[in-house]
Amino acid sequence: MNLLRYTAVELGKKIQAGEVSVLEATQAVLDAIKAKEAAVNSFVTVDEEGALKRAAEVQKLIDEGKLTGPLAGVPVAIKDNMCTEGLLTTCSSKILYNYIPTYSAEAVKRLEAAGAVIVGKTNMDEFAMGSTTETSAYGVTKNPWNTEHVPGGSSGGSCAAVAAEEVPYALGSDTGGSIRQPSSFCGVTGIKPTYGSVSRYGLIAYGSSLDQIGPIAKDVTDCATILESITSYDTKDSTSVKREDSDYTSALVDDVKGMRIGIPRDYFGEGLDPEVREAVLAAAETLKEKGAIVEEFDLGLVEYAIPAYYVIACAEASSNLARFDGVKYGYRTREYEGLHNMYKKSRSEGFGAEVKRRIMLGSFVLSSGYYDAYYLKALRVKALIKKAFDNAFSKYDVILGPAAPTTAPKLGQSLDNPIQMYLGDIYTISVNLAGLPGISLPCDMDKNGLPIGLQLIGDCFKEKNIIRAAYSFEQTREYKHSPLAEA
């Protein structure tokens, strides 16, 4: 019996029923990681000893009837930008090569309270800056569907680990599409919740007004169940929101009759791969056949989303990453003369090229003389984008479009052309700028056998609408296992 064939919820049921022990499930995951890591490189750290010890503790609590939740005993991987007490947390950067946090992120603690067993930390683009998981100081992660292609990013390690069936589910973070785009490339499902729904406490910040933690798993049921566990109001996060409607699993209903779905014409212009276009429109047709009302409309402002996003994200990054200076923790250069020279050399040697590029861009747009021209203008555009979505959601329950303009590019292709890589975020970033929830789920394959992702966007705090639409669509498809999962 291959335990990694099951979804997280299915495995949880078997553990509760006593058909599988937590130790067996954890050992199966550790064995899969050992067998597949050389091919995929989705982990930075694997905590075998800690996972087995935790498995025994969780099993005891299940036997005593103290842990009865759907995720109790199910192993999980955590993206390497979330603090985990006593476990190396590097953000896939040389500058944090030796950082072991003394506390855990709130989302991680919520999972542990639900009985999760953390097996390790997944690879990512350095400080979540990138769309391919190629900027990591720990080597590139490869796509389980074809190891010559990227898994997407920045949560590429988490998505590849789920797609390769190394773990049943994982946590990722989404600043401009970093859960949804790699989910699309790896043929898995990922949710970016409404901004403020999941605490950012313990998430090492990139763009504080955009970052959001979310689940990555095989199907919509898993994602809704995980999101239910990690949604919480947290006084330690000033942007955290109190919610009464976080029973996301109640939206797992195969019924879209009368649901109004809008398709932005702006999303189907030049730059969109014809196969992706066809697959996404076919998915819309499927929902229409199931009773949804599907219409095209003009969203507007799409072409301004990328410049606004990169100005805001880089400005916030230059501020957030100022704390990595070689003084209190992390990497410090060996030879230096005086304090300023130590700062300069530690940061020059510790940060990778993409991170430096974004820090410099951010520092530039925040500098006097340019602040009004770039940063304030970007904030005004952000407000206009939110208004455009508000208008759309006065007519529609859900907006449907592609998660990415193409399927996964080949390794090395994107790094040669950073601007092209930035343009790859065109369908995902406006969701972060407006603080909206979005889900990506597989809808088809291209001629090269690479997955195509469908994105559904909801209004603020209306995750249930996108979960219901995604679940209904998912009922018409079978989950496809990647070649590495079959191995």
Protein backbone atom coordinates (compact mmCIF):
# COMPACT_ATOMS: atom_id res chain seq x y z
CA MET A 1 0.00 0.00 0.00
CA ASN A 2 1.57 3.29 -1.14
CA LEU A 3 0.49 5.73 1.58
CA LEU A 4 1.54 8.74 -0.51
CA ARG A 5 -1.14 7.96 -3.09
CA TYR A 6 -3.70 9.25 -0.59
CA THR A 7 -4.65 12.87 -0.14
CA ALA A 8 -3.91 14.42 3.27
CA VAL A 9 -7.56 14.05 4.36
CA GLU A 10 -7.74 10.40 3.18
CA LEU A 11 -4.52 9.60 5.06
CA GLY A 12 -5.88 11.37 8.15
CA LYS A 13 -9.00 9.17 8.04
CA LYS A 14 -6.92 5.99 7.83
CA ILE A 15 -4.83 7.16 10.81
CA GLN A 16 -7.98 7.91 12.85
CA ALA A 17 -9.43 4.52 11.94
CA GLY A 18 -6.24 2.80 13.13
CA GLU A 19 -5.53 1.33 9.67
CA VAL A 20 -2.23 3.24 9.49
CA SER A 21 -0.04 4.44 12.34
CA VAL A 22 1.44 7.95 12.41
CA LEU A 23 4.90 6.35 12.51
CA GLU A 24 4.16 4.35 9.33
CA ALA A 25 2.90 7.48 7.52
CA THR A 26 5.94 9.52 8.62
CA GLN A 27 8.39 6.77 7.68
CA ALA A 28 6.74 6.45 4.25
CA VAL A 29 7.26 10.19 3.68
CA LEU A 30 10.89 10.09 4.83
CA ASP A 31 11.56 7.09 2.56
CA ALA A 32 9.96 8.89 -0.41
CA ILE A 33 12.10 11.98 0.23
CA LYS A 34 15.26 9.83 0.35
CA ALA A 35 14.31 8.11 -2.90
CA LYS A 36 13.32 11.24 -4.88
CA GLU A 37 15.36 14.15 -3.54
CA ALA A 38 18.31 13.60 -5.88
CA ALA A 39 15.96 14.07 -8.84
CA VAL A 40 13.80 16.95 -7.55
CA ASN A 41 15.72 18.86 -4.80
CA SER A 42 12.58 20.20 -3.13
CA PHE A 43 13.96 20.26 0.45
CA VAL A 44 16.57 22.42 2.15
CA THR A 45 16.28 20.59 5.49
CA VAL A 46 14.83 17.17 6.37
CA ASP A 47 14.31 16.59 10.10
CA GLU A 48 14.15 12.80 10.26
CA GLU A 49 14.84 12.49 13.99
CA GLY A 50 12.42 15.27 14.97
CA ALA A 51 9.67 13.93 12.69
CA LEU A 52 9.85 10.38 14.09
CA LYS A 53 9.85 11.68 17.67
CA ARG A 54 6.86 13.91 16.92
CA ALA A 55 5.05 10.99 15.20
CA ALA A 56 5.24 8.95 18.40
CA GLU A 57 3.87 11.89 20.46
CA VAL A 58 0.98 12.48 18.04
CA GLN A 59 0.10 8.77 17.95
CA LYS A 60 -0.18 8.77 21.76
CA LEU A 61 -2.54 11.79 21.67
CA ILE A 62 -4.68 10.14 18.96
CA ASP A 63 -4.86 6.91 20.99
CA GLU A 64 -5.97 8.93 24.03
CA GLY A 65 -8.69 10.60 21.97
CA LYS A 66 -7.16 14.06 22.37
CA LEU A 67 -6.45 14.58 18.66
CA THR A 68 -9.41 13.82 16.42
CA GLY A 69 -9.01 16.40 13.62
CA PRO A 70 -8.71 15.51 9.91
CA LEU A 71 -4.98 16.36 9.74
CA ALA A 72 -3.86 14.63 12.96
CA GLY A 73 -0.77 12.53 12.26
CA VAL A 74 -0.44 13.61 8.63
CA PRO A 75 3.13 14.67 7.68
CA VAL A 76 3.67 18.16 6.24
CA ALA A 77 6.52 20.22 4.72
CA ILE A 78 6.95 23.93 5.48
CA LYS A 79 8.34 26.55 3.10
CA ASP A 80 11.75 27.68 4.33
CA ASN A 81 10.65 31.29 5.04
CA MET A 82 8.45 30.31 8.00
CA CYS A 83 10.13 30.13 11.39
CA THR A 84 10.19 26.67 12.97
CA GLU A 85 11.49 26.46 16.52
CA GLY A 86 14.80 24.58 16.71
CA LEU A 87 14.83 23.85 12.95
CA LEU A 88 17.08 25.61 10.43
CA THR A 89 15.21 28.38 8.57
CA THR A 90 17.25 29.93 5.75
CA CYS A 91 14.85 31.58 3.24
CA SER A 92 17.11 29.65 0.81
CA SER A 93 19.74 32.36 1.29
CA LYS A 94 23.40 32.21 2.24
CA ILE A 95 22.82 35.15 4.59
CA LEU A 96 20.65 32.94 6.87
CA TYR A 97 22.69 29.74 6.40
CA ASN A 98 22.90 29.11 10.18
CA TYR A 99 19.67 30.68 11.49
CA ILE A 100 17.75 28.46 13.92
CA PRO A 101 14.65 30.31 15.25
CA THR A 102 13.68 30.22 18.93
CA TYR A 103 9.97 30.32 18.04
CA SER A 104 7.56 29.02 15.41
CA ALA A 105 5.36 30.95 12.99
CA GLU A 106 1.71 31.14 14.07
CA ALA A 107 0.55 29.16 11.01
CA VAL A 108 3.05 26.40 11.89
CA LYS A 109 1.82 26.35 15.50
CA ARG A 110 -1.79 26.07 14.30
CA LEU A 111 -0.84 23.01 12.21
CA GLU A 112 1.02 21.46 15.15
CA ALA A 113 -2.04 22.03 17.34
CA ALA A 114 -4.03 20.11 14.70
CA GLY A 115 -1.57 17.20 15.05
CA ALA A 116 0.64 17.73 11.98
CA VAL A 117 4.09 16.12 11.80
CA ILE A 118 6.66 18.49 10.26
CA VAL A 119 9.20 16.54 8.20
CA GLY A 120 11.28 19.42 6.84
CA LYS A 121 11.66 22.78 5.12
CA THR A 122 11.20 23.21 1.39
CA ASN A 123 13.41 24.99 -1.13
CA MET A 124 12.32 28.35 -2.53
CA ASP A 125 13.52 31.35 -4.48
CA GLU A 126 15.84 33.31 -2.18
CA PHE A 127 13.68 35.43 0.16
CA ALA A 128 10.72 34.46 -2.08
CA MET A 129 12.10 36.65 -4.89
CA GLY A 130 11.65 34.85 -8.18
CA SER A 131 9.14 32.79 -10.14
CA THR A 132 11.16 29.64 -10.82
CA THR A 133 12.92 28.42 -7.61
CA GLU A 134 16.22 28.93 -9.41
CA THR A 135 17.51 31.80 -7.22
CA SER A 136 17.94 29.54 -4.16
CA ALA A 137 21.40 29.30 -2.58
CA TYR A 138 20.72 25.54 -2.23
CA GLY A 139 20.42 24.73 -5.91
CA VAL A 140 17.45 24.64 -8.26
CA THR A 141 14.30 22.60 -7.64
CA LYS A 142 13.08 20.61 -10.63
CA ASN A 143 9.57 20.00 -11.92
CA PRO A 144 8.37 16.44 -11.14
CA TRP A 145 6.57 16.32 -14.51
CA ASN A 146 9.80 16.94 -16.41
CA THR A 147 13.03 17.57 -14.53
CA GLU A 148 14.36 19.77 -17.36
CA HIS A 149 11.68 22.33 -16.46
CA VAL A 150 11.23 24.68 -13.50
CA PRO A 151 8.56 24.02 -10.84
CA GLY A 152 7.63 27.72 -10.69
CA GLY A 153 8.19 29.89 -7.66
CA SER A 154 8.75 31.08 -5.13
CA SER A 155 6.99 28.14 -3.39
CA GLY A 156 8.44 25.73 -5.97
CA GLY A 157 9.89 23.39 -3.36
CA SER A 158 6.53 22.96 -1.61
CA CYS A 159 4.65 22.40 -4.89
CA ALA A 160 7.28 20.00 -6.27
CA ALA A 161 7.29 18.01 -3.00
CA VAL A 162 3.50 17.52 -3.23
CA ALA A 163 3.59 16.76 -6.99
CA ALA A 164 6.43 14.24 -6.57
CA GLU A 165 4.44 12.64 -3.70
CA GLU A 166 7.20 13.23 -1.18
CA VAL A 167 4.62 14.73 1.22
CA PRO A 168 0.79 14.77 1.24
CA TYR A 169 0.67 18.57 1.65
CA ALA A 170 2.80 21.63 2.31
CA LEU A 171 2.61 25.29 3.31
CA GLY A 172 3.68 28.03 0.91
CA SER A 173 3.59 31.82 0.88
CA ASP A 174 2.17 34.05 -1.84
CA THR A 175 3.38 37.62 -2.42
CA GLY A 176 2.59 37.94 -6.12
CA GLY A 177 1.45 34.45 -7.13
CA SER A 178 4.06 32.32 -5.36
CA ILE A 179 1.54 29.62 -4.39
CA ARG A 180 -0.75 29.73 -7.43
CA GLN A 181 1.85 29.89 -10.24
CA PRO A 182 4.00 26.90 -9.06
CA SER A 183 0.79 24.97 -8.29
CA SER A 184 -0.17 25.53 -11.92
CA PHE A 185 3.28 24.41 -13.18
CA CYS A 186 3.34 21.31 -10.93
CA GLY A 187 -0.26 20.16 -11.43
CA VAL A 188 -1.32 20.58 -7.79
CA THR A 189 -3.86 22.80 -5.99
CA GLY A 190 -2.94 25.90 -3.98
CA ILE A 191 -4.93 28.64 -2.24
CA LYS A 192 -3.86 32.20 -1.51
CA PRO A 193 -6.36 33.35 1.15
CA THR A 194 -7.68 36.89 1.69
CA TYR A 195 -4.96 39.16 3.11
CA GLY A 196 -5.10 39.04 6.91
CA SER A 197 -6.85 35.63 7.18
CA VAL A 198 -3.69 33.70 8.09
CA SER A 199 -1.26 35.25 10.57
CA ARG A 200 2.05 36.45 9.11
CA TYR A 201 3.74 36.22 12.52
CA GLY A 202 6.93 34.21 12.00
CA LEU A 203 6.84 34.52 8.20
CA ILE A 204 10.12 36.17 7.20
CA ALA A 205 8.83 39.23 5.36
CA TYR A 206 9.37 40.09 1.69
CA GLY A 207 6.50 42.53 0.94
CA SER A 208 4.53 42.94 4.17
CA SER A 209 1.40 44.41 2.55
CA LEU A 210 1.27 41.53 0.02
CA ASP A 211 2.60 38.36 1.75
CA GLN A 212 0.10 35.66 2.70
CA ILE A 213 0.57 32.04 3.82
CA GLY A 214 -1.57 29.33 2.21
CA PRO A 215 -1.91 25.56 1.64
CA ILE A 216 -0.64 23.42 -1.24
CA ALA A 217 -2.07 19.92 -1.73
CA LYS A 218 -3.42 17.45 -4.27
CA ASP A 219 -7.03 18.59 -4.25
CA VAL A 220 -9.50 21.26 -3.16
CA THR A 221 -10.76 19.24 -0.17
CA ASP A 222 -7.26 19.11 1.30
CA CYS A 223 -6.67 22.82 0.72
CA ALA A 224 -9.98 23.83 2.32
CA THR A 225 -9.28 21.57 5.33
CA ILE A 226 -5.73 22.92 5.81
CA LEU A 227 -6.89 26.52 5.40
CA GLU A 228 -9.52 25.92 8.09
CA SER A 229 -6.72 24.84 10.45
CA ILE A 230 -4.39 27.80 9.84
CA THR A 231 -6.93 30.65 9.60
CA SER A 232 -6.82 32.54 12.88
CA TYR A 233 -6.93 35.96 14.45
CA ASP A 234 -3.53 36.74 15.94
CA THR A 235 -2.78 39.76 18.14
CA LYS A 236 0.93 39.35 17.22
CA ASP A 237 0.10 40.34 13.61
CA SER A 238 -1.33 43.86 13.30
CA THR A 239 -2.88 43.01 9.90
CA SER A 240 -4.67 39.90 11.20
CA VAL A 241 -8.47 39.84 10.76
CA LYS A 242 -11.09 38.26 13.05
CA ARG A 243 -13.25 35.92 10.98
CA GLU A 244 -16.41 34.05 11.88
CA ASP A 245 -16.75 32.28 8.52
CA SER A 246 -13.67 30.09 8.33
CA ASP A 247 -15.59 26.80 7.99
CA TYR A 248 -14.23 26.45 4.44
CA THR A 249 -15.02 22.73 4.19
CA SER A 250 -18.75 23.59 4.22
CA ALA A 251 -18.19 24.99 0.69
CA LEU A 252 -17.12 21.57 -0.68
CA VAL A 253 -20.37 21.23 -2.61
CA ASP A 254 -20.69 20.03 -6.21
CA ASP A 255 -23.13 22.75 -7.22
CA VAL A 256 -22.50 25.92 -9.24
CA LYS A 257 -26.08 26.46 -10.46
CA GLY A 258 -26.70 30.18 -10.75
CA MET A 259 -23.13 31.12 -9.78
CA ARG A 260 -21.99 34.17 -11.76
CA ILE A 261 -18.52 33.73 -13.24
CA GLY A 262 -16.71 36.55 -15.05
CA ILE A 263 -13.89 36.04 -17.55
CA PRO A 264 -11.71 39.17 -18.05
CA ARG A 265 -11.05 39.76 -21.76
CA ASP A 266 -7.82 41.50 -20.69
CA TYR A 267 -6.46 38.09 -19.54
CA PHE A 268 -6.74 36.53 -22.99
CA GLY A 269 -4.69 38.96 -25.09
CA GLU A 270 -1.18 38.61 -26.47
CA GLY A 271 1.42 36.66 -24.51
CA LEU A 272 -1.00 33.89 -23.54
CA ASP A 273 -0.02 30.46 -24.84
CA PRO A 274 -2.78 29.12 -27.18
CA GLU A 275 -2.90 25.77 -25.35
CA VAL A 276 -3.35 27.50 -21.99
CA ARG A 277 -6.06 29.72 -23.46
CA GLU A 278 -7.92 26.72 -24.87
CA ALA A 279 -7.70 24.72 -21.61
CA VAL A 280 -8.90 27.61 -19.44
CA LEU A 281 -11.83 28.44 -21.73
CA ALA A 282 -12.75 24.73 -21.84
CA ALA A 283 -12.82 24.77 -18.01
CA ALA A 284 -15.18 27.77 -18.14
CA GLU A 285 -17.39 25.81 -20.54
CA THR A 286 -17.44 22.88 -18.09
CA LEU A 287 -18.68 25.15 -15.29
CA LYS A 288 -21.26 26.61 -17.67
CA GLU A 289 -22.54 23.11 -18.44
CA LYS A 290 -22.91 22.56 -14.69
CA GLY A 291 -25.24 25.54 -14.41
CA ALA A 292 -22.95 28.54 -13.83
CA ILE A 293 -23.63 31.82 -15.64
CA VAL A 294 -20.39 32.61 -17.50
CA GLU A 295 -19.75 36.01 -19.11
CA GLU A 296 -16.81 37.93 -20.54
CA PHE A 297 -16.10 41.45 -19.24
CA ASP A 298 -13.42 44.17 -19.26
CA LEU A 299 -11.46 44.32 -16.00
CA GLY A 300 -9.08 47.14 -17.00
CA LEU A 301 -5.76 48.28 -15.49
CA VAL A 302 -4.17 44.84 -16.06
CA GLU A 303 -1.11 46.33 -17.80
CA TYR A 304 -0.40 48.57 -14.78
CA ALA A 305 -0.41 45.73 -12.26
CA ILE A 306 3.16 44.53 -12.91
CA PRO A 307 4.91 47.92 -12.58
CA ALA A 308 2.81 48.82 -9.51
CA TYR A 309 3.52 45.46 -7.90
CA TYR A 310 7.29 45.53 -8.44
CA VAL A 311 7.59 49.11 -7.14
CA ILE A 312 5.62 48.30 -3.95
CA ALA A 313 7.13 44.83 -3.36
CA CYS A 314 10.71 46.00 -3.90
CA ALA A 315 10.21 49.10 -1.72
CA GLU A 316 8.93 46.91 1.13
CA ALA A 317 11.70 44.35 0.52
CA SER A 318 14.45 46.98 0.74
CA SER A 319 13.07 48.00 4.13
CA ASN A 320 12.41 44.44 5.40
CA LEU A 321 15.80 43.08 4.33
CA ALA A 322 17.75 45.91 6.00
CA ARG A 323 17.78 43.78 9.18
CA PHE A 324 20.15 41.24 7.59
CA ASP A 325 23.40 43.05 8.28
CA GLY A 326 25.74 40.42 9.76
CA VAL A 327 25.42 41.79 13.30
CA LYS A 328 22.90 39.74 15.29
CA TYR A 329 22.45 36.53 13.28
CA GLY A 330 23.18 34.89 9.97
CA TYR A 331 26.20 35.27 7.73
CA ARG A 332 29.05 37.68 8.56
CA THR A 333 32.00 38.31 6.27
CA ARG A 334 35.35 37.07 7.62
CA GLU A 335 37.53 40.05 6.85
CA TYR A 336 36.37 43.63 7.24
CA GLU A 337 37.54 47.05 8.34
CA GLY A 338 35.03 48.84 10.54
CA LEU A 339 31.27 48.55 10.90
CA HIS A 340 30.16 49.96 7.53
CA ASN A 341 32.60 47.77 5.65
CA MET A 342 31.24 44.74 7.54
CA TYR A 343 27.65 45.62 6.58
CA LYS A 344 28.61 46.10 2.96
CA LYS A 345 30.70 42.93 2.61
CA SER A 346 28.27 40.72 4.59
CA ARG A 347 25.31 41.81 2.45
CA SER A 348 27.30 41.66 -0.81
CA GLU A 349 28.47 38.12 -0.10
CA GLY A 350 25.27 36.90 1.60
CA PHE A 351 22.57 38.00 -0.87
CA GLY A 352 22.11 36.58 -4.38
CA ALA A 353 21.80 38.62 -7.60
CA GLU A 354 17.97 38.73 -7.75
CA VAL A 355 17.66 39.86 -4.11
CA LYS A 356 20.27 42.59 -4.68
CA ARG A 357 18.42 43.73 -7.80
CA ARG A 358 15.16 44.12 -5.88
CA ILE A 359 16.77 45.80 -2.86
CA MET A 360 18.41 48.36 -5.16
CA LEU A 361 15.18 48.96 -7.06
CA GLY A 362 13.29 49.35 -3.76
CA SER A 363 15.86 51.73 -2.31
CA PHE A 364 15.72 53.80 -5.50
CA VAL A 365 11.92 54.20 -5.53
CA LEU A 366 11.94 55.19 -1.84
CA SER A 367 14.74 57.75 -2.22
CA SER A 368 13.97 61.44 -1.97
CA GLY A 369 13.03 62.90 -5.31
CA TYR A 370 11.66 59.58 -6.58
CA TYR A 371 9.29 58.62 -3.74
CA ASP A 372 6.37 60.64 -5.18
CA ALA A 373 7.11 59.73 -8.78
CA TYR A 374 7.19 55.95 -8.20
CA TYR A 375 6.14 54.68 -4.79
CA LEU A 376 3.14 56.99 -4.18
CA LYS A 377 2.01 56.55 -7.77
CA ALA A 378 2.18 52.75 -7.36
CA LEU A 379 0.04 52.98 -4.21
CA ARG A 380 -2.56 55.01 -6.13
CA VAL A 381 -2.58 52.39 -8.91
CA LYS A 382 -3.02 49.68 -6.24
CA ALA A 383 -6.14 51.51 -4.99
CA LEU A 384 -7.49 51.75 -8.57
CA ILE A 385 -6.90 48.02 -9.14
CA LYS A 386 -8.85 47.23 -5.95
CA LYS A 387 -11.68 49.48 -7.20
CA ALA A 388 -11.72 47.67 -10.58
CA PHE A 389 -12.11 44.34 -8.75
CA ASP A 390 -14.83 45.80 -6.49
CA ASN A 391 -16.78 46.77 -9.62
CA ALA A 392 -16.30 43.29 -11.08
CA PHE A 393 -17.46 41.59 -7.87
CA SER A 394 -20.62 43.69 -7.81
CA LYS A 395 -21.60 41.61 -10.88
CA TYR A 396 -19.77 38.29 -10.41
CA ASP A 397 -19.20 35.76 -7.63
CA VAL A 398 -15.95 34.45 -9.12
CA ILE A 399 -13.44 35.63 -11.74
CA LEU A 400 -11.93 32.89 -13.91
CA GLY A 401 -8.66 33.04 -15.82
CA PRO A 402 -5.27 31.37 -16.31
CA ALA A 403 -2.80 31.09 -13.40
CA ALA A 404 0.18 31.67 -15.72
CA PRO A 405 0.57 32.66 -19.40
CA THR A 406 2.50 29.48 -20.26
CA THR A 407 3.29 26.06 -18.83
CA ALA A 408 6.59 25.56 -16.97
CA PRO A 409 9.58 26.99 -18.90
CA LYS A 410 12.87 25.10 -19.16
CA LEU A 411 15.53 25.51 -16.49
CA GLY A 412 17.75 28.54 -17.13
CA GLN A 413 15.36 30.22 -19.59
CA SER A 414 13.91 32.73 -17.11
CA LEU A 415 17.16 33.74 -15.40
CA ASP A 416 18.53 34.99 -18.72
CA ASN A 417 15.57 37.37 -19.01
CA PRO A 418 14.36 38.74 -15.64
CA ILE A 419 11.81 41.08 -17.29
CA GLN A 420 10.19 38.11 -19.03
CA MET A 421 10.11 36.32 -15.67
CA TYR A 422 8.36 39.32 -14.07
CA LEU A 423 5.78 39.36 -16.88
CA GLY A 424 4.96 35.73 -16.05
CA ASP A 425 3.19 37.02 -12.92
CA ILE A 426 0.64 39.04 -14.90
CA TYR A 427 -2.41 36.98 -13.87
CA THR A 428 -1.54 36.55 -10.21
CA ILE A 429 -0.12 39.82 -8.83
CA SER A 430 -3.25 41.97 -9.01
CA VAL A 431 -4.89 39.50 -6.59
CA ASN A 432 -2.18 40.34 -4.01
CA LEU A 433 -2.41 44.07 -4.69
CA ALA A 434 -6.15 43.92 -3.98
CA GLY A 435 -5.79 41.49 -1.04
CA LEU A 436 -8.17 38.98 -2.65
CA PRO A 437 -8.35 35.17 -2.31
CA GLY A 438 -7.33 33.02 -5.29
CA ILE A 439 -7.02 29.31 -6.05
CA SER A 440 -5.07 27.49 -8.74
CA LEU A 441 -5.99 23.93 -9.72
CA PRO A 442 -5.02 21.68 -12.63
CA CYS A 443 -7.36 21.82 -15.64
CA ASP A 444 -5.45 20.10 -18.48
CA MET A 445 -2.04 19.20 -19.93
CA ASP A 446 -0.16 20.74 -22.85
CA LYS A 447 1.27 18.77 -25.80
CA ASN A 448 4.55 18.26 -23.90
CA GLY A 449 2.77 16.64 -20.96
CA LEU A 450 3.11 19.66 -18.63
CA PRO A 451 0.19 20.74 -16.41
CA ILE A 452 -1.97 23.79 -17.10
CA GLY A 453 -3.50 25.62 -14.14
CA LEU A 454 -6.89 27.30 -13.84
CA GLN A 455 -7.15 30.31 -11.51
CA LEU A 456 -10.35 31.31 -9.72
CA ILE A 457 -10.43 34.66 -7.90
CA GLY A 458 -12.97 35.67 -5.24
CA ASP A 459 -13.95 38.86 -3.47
CA CYS A 460 -12.37 39.61 -0.06
CA PHE A 461 -13.40 37.03 2.57
CA LYS A 462 -15.35 35.03 -0.06
CA GLU A 463 -13.03 32.00 -0.16
CA LYS A 464 -16.11 29.77 -0.07
CA ASN A 465 -17.14 30.92 -3.56
CA ILE A 466 -13.82 29.94 -5.15
CA ILE A 467 -13.68 26.68 -3.14
CA ARG A 468 -17.19 25.73 -4.30
CA ALA A 469 -16.44 26.55 -7.96
CA ALA A 470 -13.06 24.77 -7.82
CA TYR A 471 -14.55 21.70 -6.11
CA SER A 472 -17.35 21.49 -8.70
CA PHE A 473 -14.86 21.71 -11.56
CA GLU A 474 -12.55 19.17 -9.90
CA GLN A 475 -15.37 16.57 -9.85
CA THR A 476 -15.13 16.43 -13.65
CA ARG A 477 -11.42 15.57 -13.62
CA GLU A 478 -9.22 12.81 -12.22
CA TYR A 479 -6.04 13.74 -10.38
CA LYS A 480 -3.03 13.00 -12.57
CA HIS A 481 0.15 11.72 -10.91
CA SER A 482 3.47 13.11 -12.10
CA PRO A 483 6.14 10.73 -13.50
CA LEU A 484 8.22 11.27 -10.33
CA ALA A 485 5.21 10.33 -8.20
CA GLU A 486 4.88 7.11 -10.19
CA ALA A 487 8.60 6.32 -9.69
